[in-house]
Amino acid sequence: MNLNNVVISSLLEYVTISMNIMETTLLKGGDKMTKKPIVSKRLKGLMAEHEITIRKLSQKIGISENSLTLKINGRRDWWYWEMIAIMKHFGFSEVKDVFPELYDHILKAC
């Protein structure tokens, strides 16, 4: 594991790993804020490629189907261990290979 991955892994652990880390923008003419969820598009693609359903993947990592769906769609936070379990299930050793959207977002925020 290279230094960049160690730094990212540490950051991910610290912020309770969140695909729901959201980009915040101000709306015109007001103080209200809107948030844009970060959707796990790469994970959706891997699931389709490997023909794995939400049900199967949720059972594999030990969370409910509803929770997994919300996490994939950026509506609920990911725990680090969930991301690692998914990463290992698909045979990857780096977070950025399965969750590039989150990885890129964190790099931009640093």
N, C-alpha and C. Protein backbone atom coordinates (compact mmCIF):
# COMPACT_ATOMS: atom_id res chain seq x y z
N MET A 1 0.86 -1.18 0.00
CA MET A 1 0.00 0.00 0.00
C MET A 1 0.90 1.24 0.00
N ASN A 2 0.69 2.13 -0.97
CA ASN A 2 1.55 3.31 -1.04
C ASN A 2 1.07 4.39 -0.07
N LEU A 3 1.88 5.42 0.11
CA LEU A 3 1.60 6.48 1.07
C LEU A 3 0.29 7.18 0.78
N ASN A 4 -0.01 7.42 -0.49
CA ASN A 4 -1.26 8.06 -0.86
C ASN A 4 -2.46 7.26 -0.37
N ASN A 5 -2.40 5.94 -0.53
CA ASN A 5 -3.50 5.08 -0.07
C ASN A 5 -3.60 5.06 1.45
N VAL A 6 -2.47 5.11 2.14
CA VAL A 6 -2.48 5.15 3.61
C VAL A 6 -3.16 6.43 4.09
N VAL A 7 -2.80 7.55 3.44
CA VAL A 7 -3.41 8.83 3.81
C VAL A 7 -4.90 8.79 3.55
N ILE A 8 -5.30 8.31 2.39
CA ILE A 8 -6.72 8.23 2.05
C ILE A 8 -7.43 7.28 3.01
N SER A 9 -6.83 6.13 3.29
CA SER A 9 -7.45 5.18 4.22
C SER A 9 -7.66 5.80 5.59
N SER A 10 -6.67 6.54 6.06
CA SER A 10 -6.80 7.20 7.36
C SER A 10 -7.90 8.24 7.34
N LEU A 11 -7.94 9.01 6.27
CA LEU A 11 -9.01 10.01 6.13
C LEU A 11 -10.37 9.34 6.12
N LEU A 12 -10.48 8.26 5.38
CA LEU A 12 -11.75 7.57 5.27
C LEU A 12 -12.22 7.05 6.62
N GLU A 13 -11.30 6.48 7.38
CA GLU A 13 -11.66 6.00 8.71
C GLU A 13 -12.11 7.15 9.60
N TYR A 14 -11.40 8.25 9.54
CA TYR A 14 -11.68 9.39 10.41
C TYR A 14 -13.05 10.00 10.17
N VAL A 15 -13.47 10.09 8.94
CA VAL A 15 -14.75 10.76 8.65
C VAL A 15 -15.93 9.80 8.60
N THR A 16 -15.80 8.64 9.17
CA THR A 16 -16.85 7.62 9.19
C THR A 16 -17.28 7.23 7.78
N ILE A 17 -16.38 7.24 6.92
CA ILE A 17 -16.53 6.90 5.52
C ILE A 17 -17.92 7.22 5.01
N SER A 18 -17.94 8.15 4.17
CA SER A 18 -19.23 8.61 3.72
C SER A 18 -19.28 8.82 2.23
N MET A 19 -20.06 8.00 1.56
CA MET A 19 -20.37 8.29 0.17
C MET A 19 -21.35 9.45 0.19
N ASN A 20 -21.81 9.72 1.39
CA ASN A 20 -22.77 10.79 1.58
C ASN A 20 -22.05 12.09 1.94
N ILE A 21 -20.71 12.09 1.82
CA ILE A 21 -20.00 13.35 1.98
C ILE A 21 -20.51 14.14 0.79
N MET A 22 -21.13 15.22 1.04
CA MET A 22 -21.83 15.88 -0.04
C MET A 22 -21.21 17.20 -0.42
N GLU A 23 -21.30 17.50 -1.71
CA GLU A 23 -20.87 18.79 -2.19
C GLU A 23 -21.97 19.77 -1.82
N THR A 24 -21.60 20.88 -1.19
CA THR A 24 -22.58 21.85 -0.74
C THR A 24 -22.44 23.11 -1.57
N THR A 25 -23.58 23.58 -2.03
CA THR A 25 -23.58 24.82 -2.81
C THR A 25 -24.69 25.72 -2.31
N LEU A 26 -24.46 27.02 -2.40
CA LEU A 26 -25.49 27.97 -2.00
C LEU A 26 -26.49 28.14 -3.12
N LEU A 27 -27.75 28.23 -2.76
CA LEU A 27 -28.79 28.52 -3.73
C LEU A 27 -28.82 30.01 -4.01
N LYS A 28 -29.31 30.40 -5.17
CA LYS A 28 -29.41 31.82 -5.50
C LYS A 28 -30.29 32.54 -4.50
N GLY A 29 -29.82 33.72 -4.06
CA GLY A 29 -30.62 34.61 -3.24
C GLY A 29 -30.98 34.16 -1.85
N GLY A 30 -30.30 33.25 -1.27
CA GLY A 30 -30.68 32.83 0.08
C GLY A 30 -29.56 32.11 0.80
N ASP A 31 -29.85 31.78 2.06
CA ASP A 31 -28.87 31.08 2.89
C ASP A 31 -29.06 29.57 2.82
N LYS A 32 -30.13 29.14 2.16
CA LYS A 32 -30.39 27.70 2.11
C LYS A 32 -29.29 27.00 1.32
N MET A 33 -29.05 25.77 1.70
CA MET A 33 -28.01 25.01 1.05
C MET A 33 -28.63 23.77 0.42
N THR A 34 -28.08 23.36 -0.69
CA THR A 34 -28.51 22.13 -1.33
C THR A 34 -27.31 21.18 -1.34
N LYS A 35 -27.59 19.91 -1.22
CA LYS A 35 -26.52 18.93 -1.16
C LYS A 35 -26.69 17.94 -2.30
N LYS A 36 -25.58 17.60 -2.92
CA LYS A 36 -25.58 16.66 -4.04
C LYS A 36 -24.93 15.36 -3.58
N PRO A 37 -25.70 14.28 -3.50
CA PRO A 37 -25.12 13.01 -3.05
C PRO A 37 -24.11 12.47 -4.07
N ILE A 38 -23.14 11.73 -3.57
CA ILE A 38 -22.14 11.10 -4.42
C ILE A 38 -22.58 9.65 -4.63
N VAL A 39 -23.00 9.35 -5.83
CA VAL A 39 -23.52 8.02 -6.17
C VAL A 39 -22.37 7.09 -6.54
N SER A 40 -22.45 5.86 -6.10
CA SER A 40 -21.42 4.85 -6.37
C SER A 40 -21.65 4.20 -7.74
N LYS A 41 -21.34 4.92 -8.79
CA LYS A 41 -21.59 4.43 -10.15
C LYS A 41 -20.71 3.24 -10.50
N ARG A 42 -19.46 3.27 -10.07
CA ARG A 42 -18.55 2.15 -10.35
C ARG A 42 -19.03 0.88 -9.68
N LEU A 43 -19.51 0.99 -8.44
CA LEU A 43 -20.02 -0.17 -7.73
C LEU A 43 -21.25 -0.73 -8.45
N LYS A 44 -22.12 0.14 -8.93
CA LYS A 44 -23.29 -0.32 -9.69
C LYS A 44 -22.85 -1.09 -10.93
N GLY A 45 -21.82 -0.57 -11.60
CA GLY A 45 -21.30 -1.25 -12.78
C GLY A 45 -20.70 -2.61 -12.47
N LEU A 46 -19.95 -2.68 -11.37
CA LEU A 46 -19.38 -3.97 -10.95
C LEU A 46 -20.47 -4.98 -10.62
N MET A 47 -21.51 -4.51 -9.97
CA MET A 47 -22.61 -5.41 -9.62
C MET A 47 -23.27 -5.96 -10.88
N ALA A 48 -23.47 -5.12 -11.87
CA ALA A 48 -24.07 -5.57 -13.13
C ALA A 48 -23.14 -6.54 -13.85
N GLU A 49 -21.86 -6.18 -13.91
CA GLU A 49 -20.86 -7.00 -14.59
C GLU A 49 -20.75 -8.40 -13.97
N HIS A 50 -20.84 -8.47 -12.65
CA HIS A 50 -20.72 -9.75 -11.93
C HIS A 50 -22.08 -10.39 -11.64
N GLU A 51 -23.12 -9.76 -12.14
CA GLU A 51 -24.49 -10.25 -11.96
C GLU A 51 -24.80 -10.53 -10.49
N ILE A 52 -24.48 -9.55 -9.66
CA ILE A 52 -24.78 -9.67 -8.23
C ILE A 52 -25.87 -8.66 -7.87
N THR A 53 -26.86 -9.13 -7.16
CA THR A 53 -28.00 -8.28 -6.79
C THR A 53 -27.72 -7.54 -5.49
N ILE A 54 -28.56 -6.55 -5.24
CA ILE A 54 -28.50 -5.83 -3.96
C ILE A 54 -28.66 -6.83 -2.82
N ARG A 55 -29.58 -7.75 -2.96
CA ARG A 55 -29.85 -8.75 -1.91
C ARG A 55 -28.59 -9.57 -1.62
N LYS A 56 -27.96 -10.09 -2.68
CA LYS A 56 -26.78 -10.94 -2.48
C LYS A 56 -25.62 -10.16 -1.85
N LEU A 57 -25.38 -8.95 -2.35
CA LEU A 57 -24.27 -8.16 -1.81
C LEU A 57 -24.54 -7.74 -0.37
N SER A 58 -25.78 -7.37 -0.07
CA SER A 58 -26.10 -6.96 1.30
C SER A 58 -25.93 -8.12 2.27
N GLN A 59 -26.32 -9.32 1.85
CA GLN A 59 -26.14 -10.50 2.69
C GLN A 59 -24.65 -10.80 2.88
N LYS A 60 -23.89 -10.64 1.82
CA LYS A 60 -22.45 -10.92 1.86
C LYS A 60 -21.73 -10.03 2.88
N ILE A 61 -22.14 -8.73 2.93
CA ILE A 61 -21.44 -7.83 3.86
C ILE A 61 -22.18 -7.64 5.18
N GLY A 62 -23.38 -8.20 5.30
CA GLY A 62 -24.08 -8.19 6.58
C GLY A 62 -24.87 -6.94 6.91
N ILE A 63 -25.44 -6.30 5.88
CA ILE A 63 -26.32 -5.15 6.11
C ILE A 63 -27.63 -5.38 5.37
N SER A 64 -28.63 -4.58 5.67
CA SER A 64 -29.93 -4.75 5.00
C SER A 64 -29.87 -4.27 3.56
N GLU A 65 -30.79 -4.78 2.75
CA GLU A 65 -30.89 -4.36 1.35
C GLU A 65 -31.18 -2.86 1.27
N ASN A 66 -32.06 -2.40 2.13
CA ASN A 66 -32.42 -0.98 2.14
C ASN A 66 -31.20 -0.11 2.45
N SER A 67 -30.45 -0.50 3.44
CA SER A 67 -29.26 0.25 3.81
C SER A 67 -28.25 0.29 2.67
N LEU A 68 -28.02 -0.83 2.01
CA LEU A 68 -27.09 -0.88 0.89
C LEU A 68 -27.56 0.01 -0.26
N THR A 69 -28.83 -0.05 -0.56
CA THR A 69 -29.38 0.80 -1.62
C THR A 69 -29.17 2.27 -1.32
N LEU A 70 -29.45 2.67 -0.08
CA LEU A 70 -29.26 4.07 0.31
C LEU A 70 -27.79 4.48 0.22
N LYS A 71 -26.91 3.59 0.60
CA LYS A 71 -25.47 3.90 0.56
C LYS A 71 -24.99 4.03 -0.89
N ILE A 72 -25.39 3.11 -1.74
CA ILE A 72 -24.99 3.15 -3.15
C ILE A 72 -25.47 4.45 -3.80
N ASN A 73 -26.65 4.89 -3.44
CA ASN A 73 -27.23 6.10 -4.03
C ASN A 73 -26.83 7.38 -3.31
N GLY A 74 -25.89 7.28 -2.38
CA GLY A 74 -25.35 8.45 -1.71
C GLY A 74 -26.27 9.08 -0.68
N ARG A 75 -27.21 8.33 -0.18
CA ARG A 75 -28.17 8.85 0.79
C ARG A 75 -27.90 8.44 2.22
N ARG A 76 -26.89 7.58 2.40
CA ARG A 76 -26.50 7.14 3.75
C ARG A 76 -24.99 6.94 3.78
N ASP A 77 -24.41 7.12 4.93
CA ASP A 77 -22.96 6.99 5.10
C ASP A 77 -22.49 5.54 4.99
N TRP A 78 -21.30 5.40 4.43
CA TRP A 78 -20.63 4.11 4.40
C TRP A 78 -19.73 4.00 5.62
N TRP A 79 -19.66 2.79 6.20
CA TRP A 79 -18.64 2.49 7.20
C TRP A 79 -17.45 1.94 6.46
N TYR A 80 -16.27 2.18 7.00
CA TYR A 80 -15.04 1.74 6.36
C TYR A 80 -15.04 0.23 6.14
N TRP A 81 -15.46 -0.54 7.13
CA TRP A 81 -15.44 -2.00 7.02
C TRP A 81 -16.37 -2.49 5.91
N GLU A 82 -17.47 -1.76 5.64
CA GLU A 82 -18.38 -2.15 4.56
C GLU A 82 -17.69 -1.97 3.21
N MET A 83 -16.98 -0.87 3.07
CA MET A 83 -16.27 -0.61 1.82
C MET A 83 -15.18 -1.64 1.58
N ILE A 84 -14.46 -1.99 2.63
CA ILE A 84 -13.39 -2.99 2.53
C ILE A 84 -13.98 -4.36 2.16
N ALA A 85 -15.10 -4.74 2.77
CA ALA A 85 -15.74 -6.02 2.47
C ALA A 85 -16.18 -6.07 1.00
N ILE A 86 -16.73 -4.98 0.51
CA ILE A 86 -17.16 -4.92 -0.90
C ILE A 86 -15.96 -4.97 -1.81
N MET A 87 -14.94 -4.22 -1.47
CA MET A 87 -13.71 -4.19 -2.25
C MET A 87 -13.11 -5.60 -2.37
N LYS A 88 -13.03 -6.30 -1.26
CA LYS A 88 -12.48 -7.65 -1.26
C LYS A 88 -13.38 -8.62 -2.02
N HIS A 89 -14.68 -8.46 -1.90
CA HIS A 89 -15.63 -9.33 -2.60
C HIS A 89 -15.40 -9.29 -4.11
N PHE A 90 -15.10 -8.12 -4.63
CA PHE A 90 -14.88 -7.97 -6.07
C PHE A 90 -13.41 -8.17 -6.46
N GLY A 91 -12.56 -8.49 -5.49
CA GLY A 91 -11.17 -8.82 -5.78
C GLY A 91 -10.24 -7.64 -5.98
N PHE A 92 -10.59 -6.50 -5.40
CA PHE A 92 -9.74 -5.31 -5.50
C PHE A 92 -9.01 -5.08 -4.18
N SER A 93 -7.88 -4.40 -4.27
CA SER A 93 -7.10 -4.13 -3.06
C SER A 93 -7.04 -2.64 -2.72
N GLU A 94 -7.63 -1.80 -3.57
CA GLU A 94 -7.61 -0.37 -3.31
C GLU A 94 -9.02 0.22 -3.38
N VAL A 95 -9.31 1.11 -2.45
CA VAL A 95 -10.62 1.76 -2.37
C VAL A 95 -10.98 2.45 -3.67
N LYS A 96 -10.02 3.12 -4.28
CA LYS A 96 -10.29 3.90 -5.49
C LYS A 96 -10.75 3.05 -6.67
N ASP A 97 -10.50 1.74 -6.63
CA ASP A 97 -10.92 0.87 -7.71
C ASP A 97 -12.42 0.56 -7.67
N VAL A 98 -13.02 0.63 -6.52
CA VAL A 98 -14.45 0.34 -6.38
C VAL A 98 -15.25 1.61 -6.09
N PHE A 99 -14.63 2.55 -5.39
CA PHE A 99 -15.31 3.78 -4.99
C PHE A 99 -14.55 5.02 -5.51
N PRO A 100 -14.34 5.13 -6.83
CA PRO A 100 -13.56 6.25 -7.35
C PRO A 100 -14.23 7.61 -7.12
N GLU A 101 -15.54 7.62 -7.06
CA GLU A 101 -16.25 8.88 -6.84
C GLU A 101 -15.93 9.46 -5.46
N LEU A 102 -15.95 8.63 -4.45
CA LEU A 102 -15.61 9.07 -3.10
C LEU A 102 -14.13 9.41 -3.00
N TYR A 103 -13.30 8.57 -3.58
CA TYR A 103 -11.85 8.78 -3.56
C TYR A 103 -11.50 10.14 -4.17
N ASP A 104 -12.05 10.41 -5.35
CA ASP A 104 -11.79 11.69 -6.02
C ASP A 104 -12.32 12.87 -5.22
N HIS A 105 -13.48 12.71 -4.63
CA HIS A 105 -14.07 13.78 -3.84
C HIS A 105 -13.19 14.12 -2.63
N ILE A 106 -12.67 13.11 -1.97
CA ILE A 106 -11.82 13.33 -0.81
C ILE A 106 -10.51 13.99 -1.23
N LEU A 107 -9.93 13.55 -2.35
CA LEU A 107 -8.70 14.17 -2.83
C LEU A 107 -8.91 15.65 -3.15
N LYS A 108 -10.05 16.00 -3.73
CA LYS A 108 -10.35 17.39 -4.05
C LYS A 108 -10.53 18.22 -2.78
N ALA A 109 -11.06 17.59 -1.73
CA ALA A 109 -11.34 18.31 -0.47
C ALA A 109 -10.07 18.58 0.33
N CYS A 110 -9.01 17.80 0.08
CA CYS A 110 -7.76 17.96 0.85
C CYS A 110 -6.94 19.13 0.38
